[in-house]
């Protein structure tokens, strides 16, 4: 599985991420630690593991969609 380091800015919904190849989990966690020291208190920095980015879009939708979009999906 690949590792992804996501930085999610809660107030704006801005998302940035870095992808790490399978077998590079230690590097992903090191990157997360470095980023965590440089972002503000309103940002989340997480490491997630998945086969690809599309899987993360499904399992962790809140990072990829704004609140209104999520509510529309729930209403269906």
C-alpha atoms as a PDB file:
ATOM      1  CA  UNK A   1       0.000   0.000   0.000  1.00  0.00           C
ATOM      2  CA  UNK A   2       1.024   3.554  -0.631  1.00  0.00           C
ATOM      3  CA  UNK A   3       1.257   6.138   2.117  1.00  0.00           C
ATOM      4  CA  UNK A   4      -0.218   9.600   1.786  1.00  0.00           C
ATOM      5  CA  UNK A   5       0.559  12.605   3.950  1.00  0.00           C
ATOM      6  CA  UNK A   6      -2.382  14.993   3.921  1.00  0.00           C
ATOM      7  CA  UNK A   7      -2.468  18.559   5.199  1.00  0.00           C
ATOM      8  CA  UNK A   8      -6.032  19.757   5.618  1.00  0.00           C
ATOM      9  CA  UNK A   9      -6.724  23.381   6.505  1.00  0.00           C
ATOM     10  CA  UNK A  10     -10.017  23.265   8.413  1.00  0.00           C
ATOM     11  CA  UNK A  11     -11.117  26.904   7.969  1.00  0.00           C
ATOM     12  CA  UNK A  12     -10.645  26.965   4.195  1.00  0.00           C
ATOM     13  CA  UNK A  13     -11.030  23.307   3.255  1.00  0.00           C
ATOM     14  CA  UNK A  14      -7.720  23.480   1.403  1.00  0.00           C
ATOM     15  CA  UNK A  15      -6.027  20.108   0.986  1.00  0.00           C
ATOM     16  CA  UNK A  16      -2.507  19.290  -0.062  1.00  0.00           C
ATOM     17  CA  UNK A  17      -0.905  15.873  -0.064  1.00  0.00           C
ATOM     18  CA  UNK A  18       2.227  13.925  -0.824  1.00  0.00           C
ATOM     19  CA  UNK A  19       2.291  10.331  -2.006  1.00  0.00           C
ATOM     20  CA  UNK A  20       4.892   7.789  -0.881  1.00  0.00           C
ATOM     21  CA  UNK A  21       5.556   4.490  -2.614  1.00  0.00           C
ATOM     22  CA  UNK A  22       4.885   1.179  -0.860  1.00  0.00           C
ATOM     23  CA  UNK A  23       7.615   0.424   1.640  1.00  0.00           C
ATOM     24  CA  UNK A  24       8.255   4.091   2.433  1.00  0.00           C
ATOM     25  CA  UNK A  25       6.076   4.430   5.528  1.00  0.00           C
ATOM     26  CA  UNK A  26       8.926   5.652   7.744  1.00  0.00           C
ATOM     27  CA  UNK A  27       9.567   8.515   5.328  1.00  0.00           C
ATOM     28  CA  UNK A  28       5.862   9.387   5.305  1.00  0.00           C
ATOM     29  CA  UNK A  29       5.751   9.557   9.111  1.00  0.00           C
ATOM     30  CA  UNK A  30       8.929  11.639   9.186  1.00  0.00           C
ATOM     31  CA  UNK A  31       7.383  14.050   6.691  1.00  0.00           C
ATOM     32  CA  UNK A  32       4.219  14.254   8.782  1.00  0.00           C
ATOM     33  CA  UNK A  33       6.260  15.124  11.879  1.00  0.00           C
ATOM     34  CA  UNK A  34       8.115  17.859  10.001  1.00  0.00           C
ATOM     35  CA  UNK A  35       4.926  19.330   8.558  1.00  0.00           C
ATOM     36  CA  UNK A  36       3.133  19.192  11.901  1.00  0.00           C
ATOM     37  CA  UNK A  37       5.712  21.577  13.340  1.00  0.00           C
ATOM     38  CA  UNK A  38       5.176  24.077  10.530  1.00  0.00           C
ATOM     39  CA  UNK A  39       1.382  24.296  10.254  1.00  0.00           C
ATOM     40  CA  UNK A  40      -1.012  26.259  12.395  1.00  0.00           C
ATOM     41  CA  UNK A  41      -3.418  24.873  14.984  1.00  0.00           C
ATOM     42  CA  UNK A  42      -6.296  24.816  12.482  1.00  0.00           C
ATOM     43  CA  UNK A  43      -4.591  22.281  10.219  1.00  0.00           C
ATOM     44  CA  UNK A  44      -4.674  18.521  10.364  1.00  0.00           C
ATOM     45  CA  UNK A  45      -1.631  16.574   9.221  1.00  0.00           C
ATOM     46  CA  UNK A  46      -2.299  12.871   8.812  1.00  0.00           C
ATOM     47  CA  UNK A  47      -0.712   9.793   7.288  1.00  0.00           C
ATOM     48  CA  UNK A  48      -3.128   7.456   5.564  1.00  0.00           C
ATOM     49  CA  UNK A  49      -2.494   4.221   3.697  1.00  0.00           C
ATOM     50  CA  UNK A  50      -4.363   3.027   0.632  1.00  0.00           C
ATOM     51  CA  UNK A  51      -3.876   1.348  -2.721  1.00  0.00           C
ATOM     52  CA  UNK A  52      -4.397   4.682  -4.476  1.00  0.00           C
ATOM     53  CA  UNK A  53      -5.784   8.181  -4.086  1.00  0.00           C
ATOM     54  CA  UNK A  54      -9.228   7.139  -5.321  1.00  0.00           C
ATOM     55  CA  UNK A  55      -9.546   4.764  -2.370  1.00  0.00           C
ATOM     56  CA  UNK A  56      -8.790   7.640  -0.009  1.00  0.00           C
ATOM     57  CA  UNK A  57     -11.371   9.798  -1.730  1.00  0.00           C
ATOM     58  CA  UNK A  58     -13.917   7.133  -0.827  1.00  0.00           C
ATOM     59  CA  UNK A  59     -12.825   6.277   2.709  1.00  0.00           C
ATOM     60  CA  UNK A  60     -11.849   9.793   3.817  1.00  0.00           C
ATOM     61  CA  UNK A  61     -14.244  11.912   1.798  1.00  0.00           C
ATOM     62  CA  UNK A  62     -14.272  14.787   4.271  1.00  0.00           C
ATOM     63  CA  UNK A  63     -10.732  15.756   3.279  1.00  0.00           C
ATOM     64  CA  UNK A  64     -11.616  15.905  -0.405  1.00  0.00           C
ATOM     65  CA  UNK A  65     -15.062  17.496  -0.419  1.00  0.00           C
ATOM     66  CA  UNK A  66     -16.448  20.611   1.112  1.00  0.00           C
ATOM     67  CA  UNK A  67     -19.256  20.311   3.653  1.00  0.00           C
ATOM     68  CA  UNK A  68     -22.008  21.195   1.175  1.00  0.00           C
ATOM     69  CA  UNK A  69     -20.916  18.506  -1.230  1.00  0.00           C
ATOM     70  CA  UNK A  70     -20.900  15.933   1.556  1.00  0.00           C
ATOM     71  CA  UNK A  71     -24.415  16.882   2.615  1.00  0.00           C
ATOM     72  CA  UNK A  72     -25.679  16.444  -0.949  1.00  0.00           C
ATOM     73  CA  UNK A  73     -24.232  12.922  -1.046  1.00  0.00           C
ATOM     74  CA  UNK A  74     -25.883  12.074   2.264  1.00  0.00           C
ATOM     75  CA  UNK A  75     -29.286  13.335   1.099  1.00  0.00           C
ATOM     76  CA  UNK A  76     -29.394  10.898  -1.833  1.00  0.00           C
END
